[in-house]
Amino acid sequence: MAHELERVNAEDDPRRCHGATRTGQCWNVAIAGTDRCQACSMIDLVEVDRRSYLLTDPRFQTRMAELGTADEIKSLRDEVAIARMLIEERLNKIKTDQDLFTATGAINSLLLTVEKLVSRSHILEQNLGQLYHRSTVVQLMQAVVEVIDDEVRPLSGGVKAIDRIVKRIYASALSARNAEQARGVKLLKDDI
């Protein structure tokens, strides 16, 4: 797909590319459906460590870069990003109930693919030692609480402040754990 570069005339033109050049924000018109022009999309592709897939459509390049940096994706980032892009594309084509009925099999297959990729990625990270074990996280949190205690206790009202801080940290940890369980994340044996 050949795409000629068109320039915007106004600084606040909503079609203006969000890419950065040596002189500031790019003045080219962004490709429809993205926030980058053809040139900036190609630069972004090179700067993203030469991903596993050479995508020529700037829409796919930009979207894969966005999805590939999501925190929930541990590895196999490009594959998960592409599978999620395919799900989005398929869902965006649905206009009627008949379209939905027709697409159900393909969408289900793609969802299962994403689930398998994320699961495999998690296993890879565990095997590579890239995930923290629960006991390590607990030790880290204890160290954080000790630092806070050392710094805040001498202050006026420090003990009450420490109690509030510890309660908030505990509530955040509990909330994160509950969110993982709600997403179907399998907890390690000692997390239960």
C-alpha atoms as a PDB file:
ATOM      1  CA  MET A   1       0.000   0.000   0.000  1.00  0.00           C
ATOM      2  CA  ALA A   2       1.633   3.229  -1.115  1.00  0.00           C
ATOM      3  CA  HIS A   3       0.894   6.180   1.109  1.00  0.00           C
ATOM      4  CA  GLU A   4       1.963   9.659   0.109  1.00  0.00           C
ATOM      5  CA  LEU A   5       2.963  11.997   2.877  1.00  0.00           C
ATOM      6  CA  GLU A   6       0.663  14.982   3.242  1.00  0.00           C
ATOM      7  CA  ARG A   7       1.572  17.870   5.538  1.00  0.00           C
ATOM      8  CA  VAL A   8      -0.730  19.756   7.896  1.00  0.00           C
ATOM      9  CA  ASN A   9      -0.816  23.551   7.847  1.00  0.00           C
ATOM     10  CA  ALA A  10      -1.948  24.236  11.394  1.00  0.00           C
ATOM     11  CA  GLU A  11      -0.120  23.300  14.570  1.00  0.00           C
ATOM     12  CA  ASP A  12      -3.336  22.103  16.250  1.00  0.00           C
ATOM     13  CA  ASP A  13      -4.652  20.073  13.291  1.00  0.00           C
ATOM     14  CA  PRO A  14      -6.166  16.898  14.814  1.00  0.00           C
ATOM     15  CA  ARG A  15      -4.814  14.882  11.877  1.00  0.00           C
ATOM     16  CA  ARG A  16      -1.237  15.860  12.767  1.00  0.00           C
ATOM     17  CA  CYS A  17       1.208  12.993  13.348  1.00  0.00           C
ATOM     18  CA  HIS A  18       2.271  12.496  16.982  1.00  0.00           C
ATOM     19  CA  GLY A  19       5.778  11.415  15.977  1.00  0.00           C
ATOM     20  CA  ALA A  20       8.795  13.410  17.114  1.00  0.00           C
ATOM     21  CA  THR A  21      11.507  14.816  14.884  1.00  0.00           C
ATOM     22  CA  ARG A  22      14.718  16.663  15.739  1.00  0.00           C
ATOM     23  CA  THR A  23      12.841  19.940  15.401  1.00  0.00           C
ATOM     24  CA  GLY A  24       9.716  18.944  17.351  1.00  0.00           C
ATOM     25  CA  GLN A  25       6.429  17.266  16.509  1.00  0.00           C
ATOM     26  CA  CYS A  26       6.102  15.872  12.981  1.00  0.00           C
ATOM     27  CA  TRP A  27       4.059  18.002  10.548  1.00  0.00           C
ATOM     28  CA  ASN A  28       2.787  15.107   8.391  1.00  0.00           C
ATOM     29  CA  VAL A  29      -0.817  13.903   8.361  1.00  0.00           C
ATOM     30  CA  ALA A  30      -1.228  10.713  10.394  1.00  0.00           C
ATOM     31  CA  ILE A  31      -2.494   7.613   8.636  1.00  0.00           C
ATOM     32  CA  ALA A  32      -6.195   6.989   9.279  1.00  0.00           C
ATOM     33  CA  GLY A  33      -6.708   4.930  12.409  1.00  0.00           C
ATOM     34  CA  THR A  34      -3.261   5.706  13.844  1.00  0.00           C
ATOM     35  CA  ASP A  35      -1.480   8.642  15.426  1.00  0.00           C
ATOM     36  CA  ARG A  36       1.604   8.382  13.178  1.00  0.00           C
ATOM     37  CA  CYS A  37       2.416   9.121   9.555  1.00  0.00           C
ATOM     38  CA  GLN A  38       4.035   6.548   7.271  1.00  0.00           C
ATOM     39  CA  ALA A  39       7.551   7.858   7.968  1.00  0.00           C
ATOM     40  CA  CYS A  40       7.188   7.961  11.759  1.00  0.00           C
ATOM     41  CA  SER A  41       5.563   4.531  11.779  1.00  0.00           C
ATOM     42  CA  MET A  42       8.596   3.116  10.016  1.00  0.00           C
ATOM     43  CA  ILE A  43      10.925   4.840  12.503  1.00  0.00           C
ATOM     44  CA  ASP A  44       8.853   3.464  15.383  1.00  0.00           C
ATOM     45  CA  LEU A  45       9.170  -0.014  13.902  1.00  0.00           C
ATOM     46  CA  VAL A  46      12.957   0.229  13.811  1.00  0.00           C
ATOM     47  CA  GLU A  47      13.095   1.651  17.337  1.00  0.00           C
ATOM     48  CA  VAL A  48      11.019  -1.190  18.777  1.00  0.00           C
ATOM     49  CA  ASP A  49      14.037  -3.510  18.594  1.00  0.00           C
ATOM     50  CA  ARG A  50      13.175  -4.964  15.228  1.00  0.00           C
ATOM     51  CA  ARG A  51      10.203  -7.015  16.292  1.00  0.00           C
ATOM     52  CA  SER A  52       9.677 -10.579  15.156  1.00  0.00           C
ATOM     53  CA  TYR A  53       7.144  -9.637  12.499  1.00  0.00           C
ATOM     54  CA  LEU A  54       7.757  -7.216   9.654  1.00  0.00           C
ATOM     55  CA  LEU A  55       4.399  -5.550   9.249  1.00  0.00           C
ATOM     56  CA  THR A  56       4.079  -3.202   6.301  1.00  0.00           C
ATOM     57  CA  ASP A  57       0.714  -1.688   7.206  1.00  0.00           C
ATOM     58  CA  PRO A  58       1.360   1.258   9.558  1.00  0.00           C
ATOM     59  CA  ARG A  59      -1.933   0.584  11.368  1.00  0.00           C
ATOM     60  CA  PHE A  60      -0.649  -2.840  12.380  1.00  0.00           C
ATOM     61  CA  GLN A  61       2.809  -1.498  13.253  1.00  0.00           C
ATOM     62  CA  THR A  62       1.394   1.129  15.584  1.00  0.00           C
ATOM     63  CA  ARG A  63      -1.145  -1.175  17.207  1.00  0.00           C
ATOM     64  CA  MET A  64       1.390  -3.963  17.741  1.00  0.00           C
ATOM     65  CA  ALA A  65       3.736  -1.473  19.406  1.00  0.00           C
ATOM     66  CA  GLU A  66       0.917  -0.408  21.761  1.00  0.00           C
ATOM     67  CA  LEU A  67      -0.215  -3.929  22.629  1.00  0.00           C
ATOM     68  CA  GLY A  68       3.320  -5.284  22.866  1.00  0.00           C
ATOM     69  CA  THR A  69       4.191  -2.997  25.743  1.00  0.00           C
ATOM     70  CA  ALA A  70       1.222  -3.841  27.939  1.00  0.00           C
ATOM     71  CA  ASP A  71       2.264  -4.846  31.453  1.00  0.00           C
ATOM     72  CA  GLU A  72       0.051  -7.929  31.500  1.00  0.00           C
ATOM     73  CA  ILE A  73       1.965  -9.444  28.602  1.00  0.00           C
ATOM     74  CA  LYS A  74       5.136 -11.053  29.927  1.00  0.00           C
ATOM     75  CA  SER A  75       6.726 -12.479  26.807  1.00  0.00           C
ATOM     76  CA  LEU A  76       5.650 -13.697  23.402  1.00  0.00           C
ATOM     77  CA  ARG A  77       4.570 -10.057  23.199  1.00  0.00           C
ATOM     78  CA  ASP A  78       4.332  -9.800  19.451  1.00  0.00           C
ATOM     79  CA  GLU A  79       2.278 -12.966  19.104  1.00  0.00           C
ATOM     80  CA  VAL A  80      -0.169 -11.875  21.776  1.00  0.00           C
ATOM     81  CA  ALA A  81      -0.354  -8.402  20.232  1.00  0.00           C
ATOM     82  CA  ILE A  82      -1.156  -9.808  16.793  1.00  0.00           C
ATOM     83  CA  ALA A  83      -3.776 -12.186  18.178  1.00  0.00           C
ATOM     84  CA  ARG A  84      -5.414  -9.290  20.033  1.00  0.00           C
ATOM     85  CA  MET A  85      -5.298  -7.139  16.898  1.00  0.00           C
ATOM     86  CA  LEU A  86      -7.040  -9.908  14.965  1.00  0.00           C
ATOM     87  CA  ILE A  87      -9.748 -10.114  17.639  1.00  0.00           C
ATOM     88  CA  GLU A  88     -10.245  -6.334  17.449  1.00  0.00           C
ATOM     89  CA  GLU A  89     -10.384  -6.365  13.661  1.00  0.00           C
ATOM     90  CA  ARG A  90     -12.890  -9.228  13.650  1.00  0.00           C
ATOM     91  CA  LEU A  91     -15.089  -7.586  16.300  1.00  0.00           C
ATOM     92  CA  ASN A  92     -14.986  -4.222  14.529  1.00  0.00           C
ATOM     93  CA  LYS A  93     -16.360  -5.827  11.354  1.00  0.00           C
ATOM     94  CA  ILE A  94     -19.506  -7.037  13.143  1.00  0.00           C
ATOM     95  CA  LYS A  95     -22.512  -4.909  12.199  1.00  0.00           C
ATOM     96  CA  THR A  96     -25.472  -7.275  12.563  1.00  0.00           C
ATOM     97  CA  ASP A  97     -26.544 -10.243  14.664  1.00  0.00           C
ATOM     98  CA  GLN A  98     -25.852 -12.468  11.654  1.00  0.00           C
ATOM     99  CA  ASP A  99     -22.274 -11.119  11.469  1.00  0.00           C
ATOM    100  CA  LEU A 100     -21.859 -11.908  15.170  1.00  0.00           C
ATOM    101  CA  PHE A 101     -23.204 -15.428  14.716  1.00  0.00           C
ATOM    102  CA  THR A 102     -20.902 -16.010  11.755  1.00  0.00           C
ATOM    103  CA  ALA A 103     -17.838 -14.661  13.591  1.00  0.00           C
ATOM    104  CA  THR A 104     -18.372 -16.545  16.859  1.00  0.00           C
ATOM    105  CA  GLY A 105     -16.196 -19.541  15.908  1.00  0.00           C
ATOM    106  CA  ALA A 106     -13.298 -17.427  14.681  1.00  0.00           C
ATOM    107  CA  ILE A 107     -13.463 -15.104  17.700  1.00  0.00           C
ATOM    108  CA  ASN A 108     -13.582 -18.046  20.112  1.00  0.00           C
ATOM    109  CA  SER A 109     -10.555 -19.599  18.415  1.00  0.00           C
ATOM    110  CA  LEU A 110      -8.630 -16.323  18.677  1.00  0.00           C
ATOM    111  CA  LEU A 111      -9.556 -15.912  22.351  1.00  0.00           C
ATOM    112  CA  LEU A 112      -8.292 -19.419  23.083  1.00  0.00           C
ATOM    113  CA  THR A 113      -5.088 -18.591  21.227  1.00  0.00           C
ATOM    114  CA  VAL A 114      -4.513 -15.488  23.355  1.00  0.00           C
ATOM    115  CA  GLU A 115      -5.206 -17.468  26.528  1.00  0.00           C
ATOM    116  CA  LYS A 116      -2.692 -20.148  25.535  1.00  0.00           C
ATOM    117  CA  LEU A 117      -0.037 -17.599  24.578  1.00  0.00           C
ATOM    118  CA  VAL A 118      -0.376 -15.680  27.838  1.00  0.00           C
ATOM    119  CA  SER A 119      -0.333 -18.921  29.833  1.00  0.00           C
ATOM    120  CA  ARG A 120       2.787 -20.144  28.019  1.00  0.00           C
ATOM    121  CA  SER A 121       4.408 -16.772  28.486  1.00  0.00           C
ATOM    122  CA  HIS A 122       3.784 -16.945  32.229  1.00  0.00           C
ATOM    123  CA  ILE A 123       5.350 -20.403  32.384  1.00  0.00           C
ATOM    124  CA  LEU A 124       8.380 -19.161  30.432  1.00  0.00           C
ATOM    125  CA  GLU A 125       8.852 -16.274  32.826  1.00  0.00           C
ATOM    126  CA  GLN A 126       8.598 -18.577  35.826  1.00  0.00           C
ATOM    127  CA  ASN A 127      11.179 -20.902  34.325  1.00  0.00           C
ATOM    128  CA  LEU A 128      13.492 -17.994  33.508  1.00  0.00           C
ATOM    129  CA  GLY A 129      13.174 -16.587  37.014  1.00  0.00           C
ATOM    130  CA  GLN A 130      11.579 -13.356  35.805  1.00  0.00           C
ATOM    131  CA  LEU A 131       8.648 -13.542  38.221  1.00  0.00           C
ATOM    132  CA  TYR A 132       8.955 -12.751  41.903  1.00  0.00           C
ATOM    133  CA  HIS A 133       7.968 -15.489  44.297  1.00  0.00           C
ATOM    134  CA  ARG A 134       5.438 -14.546  46.969  1.00  0.00           C
ATOM    135  CA  SER A 135       8.035 -14.750  49.755  1.00  0.00           C
ATOM    136  CA  THR A 136      10.288 -12.299  47.892  1.00  0.00           C
ATOM    137  CA  VAL A 137       7.432  -9.825  47.502  1.00  0.00           C
ATOM    138  CA  VAL A 138       6.569 -10.173  51.201  1.00  0.00           C
ATOM    139  CA  GLN A 139      10.200  -9.477  52.163  1.00  0.00           C
ATOM    140  CA  LEU A 140      10.263  -6.442  49.889  1.00  0.00           C
ATOM    141  CA  MET A 141       7.067  -5.075  51.396  1.00  0.00           C
ATOM    142  CA  GLN A 142       8.430  -5.612  54.913  1.00  0.00           C
ATOM    143  CA  ALA A 143      11.540  -3.632  53.961  1.00  0.00           C
ATOM    144  CA  VAL A 144       9.366  -0.816  52.578  1.00  0.00           C
ATOM    145  CA  VAL A 145       7.341  -0.703  55.795  1.00  0.00           C
ATOM    146  CA  GLU A 146      10.557  -0.618  57.866  1.00  0.00           C
ATOM    147  CA  VAL A 147      11.888   2.330  55.849  1.00  0.00           C
ATOM    148  CA  ILE A 148       8.597   4.189  56.238  1.00  0.00           C
ATOM    149  CA  ASP A 149       8.578   3.404  59.965  1.00  0.00           C
ATOM    150  CA  ASP A 150      12.137   4.692  60.410  1.00  0.00           C
ATOM    151  CA  GLU A 151      11.373   7.919  58.567  1.00  0.00           C
ATOM    152  CA  VAL A 152       7.852   8.701  59.799  1.00  0.00           C
ATOM    153  CA  ARG A 153       7.818   7.500  63.440  1.00  0.00           C
ATOM    154  CA  PRO A 154       9.940  10.445  64.745  1.00  0.00           C
ATOM    155  CA  LEU A 155       7.500  12.959  63.228  1.00  0.00           C
ATOM    156  CA  SER A 156       4.518  14.362  65.103  1.00  0.00           C
ATOM    157  CA  GLY A 157       1.627  11.932  64.632  1.00  0.00           C
ATOM    158  CA  GLY A 158       4.028   9.449  63.050  1.00  0.00           C
ATOM    159  CA  VAL A 159       2.637   6.305  64.648  1.00  0.00           C
ATOM    160  CA  LYS A 160      -0.900   7.009  63.412  1.00  0.00           C
ATOM    161  CA  ALA A 161       0.456   7.818  59.953  1.00  0.00           C
ATOM    162  CA  ILE A 162       2.380   4.535  59.896  1.00  0.00           C
ATOM    163  CA  ASP A 163      -0.763   2.605  60.826  1.00  0.00           C
ATOM    164  CA  ARG A 164      -2.664   4.271  57.972  1.00  0.00           C
ATOM    165  CA  ILE A 165       0.172   3.579  55.511  1.00  0.00           C
ATOM    166  CA  VAL A 166       0.392  -0.109  56.461  1.00  0.00           C
ATOM    167  CA  LYS A 167      -3.394  -0.509  56.144  1.00  0.00           C
ATOM    168  CA  ARG A 168      -3.338   1.103  52.687  1.00  0.00           C
ATOM    169  CA  ILE A 169      -0.444  -1.102  51.508  1.00  0.00           C
ATOM    170  CA  TYR A 170      -2.228  -4.202  52.790  1.00  0.00           C
ATOM    171  CA  ALA A 171      -5.481  -3.162  51.104  1.00  0.00           C
ATOM    172  CA  SER A 172      -3.631  -2.566  47.812  1.00  0.00           C
ATOM    173  CA  ALA A 173      -1.933  -5.969  47.994  1.00  0.00           C
ATOM    174  CA  LEU A 174      -5.241  -7.670  48.755  1.00  0.00           C
ATOM    175  CA  SER A 175      -6.940  -5.812  45.905  1.00  0.00           C
ATOM    176  CA  ALA A 176      -4.192  -6.830  43.452  1.00  0.00           C
ATOM    177  CA  ARG A 177      -4.489 -10.457  44.532  1.00  0.00           C
ATOM    178  CA  ASN A 178      -8.283 -10.393  44.154  1.00  0.00           C
ATOM    179  CA  ALA A 179      -7.937  -8.804  40.708  1.00  0.00           C
ATOM    180  CA  GLU A 180      -5.573 -11.602  39.641  1.00  0.00           C
ATOM    181  CA  GLN A 181      -8.012 -14.220  40.897  1.00  0.00           C
ATOM    182  CA  ALA A 182     -10.876 -12.499  39.055  1.00  0.00           C
ATOM    183  CA  ARG A 183      -8.829 -12.583  35.825  1.00  0.00           C
ATOM    184  CA  GLY A 184      -8.331 -16.307  36.314  1.00  0.00           C
ATOM    185  CA  VAL A 185      -4.640 -16.112  37.209  1.00  0.00           C
ATOM    186  CA  LYS A 186      -3.617 -19.340  38.894  1.00  0.00           C
ATOM    187  CA  LEU A 187      -1.922 -18.510  42.176  1.00  0.00           C
ATOM    188  CA  LEU A 188       1.085 -20.424  43.403  1.00  0.00           C
ATOM    189  CA  LYS A 189       0.473 -23.018  46.114  1.00  0.00           C
ATOM    190  CA  ASP A 190       1.793 -20.770  48.895  1.00  0.00           C
ATOM    191  CA  ASP A 191      -0.318 -17.823  47.719  1.00  0.00           C
ATOM    192  CA  ILE A 192      -3.558 -19.530  48.734  1.00  0.00           C
END
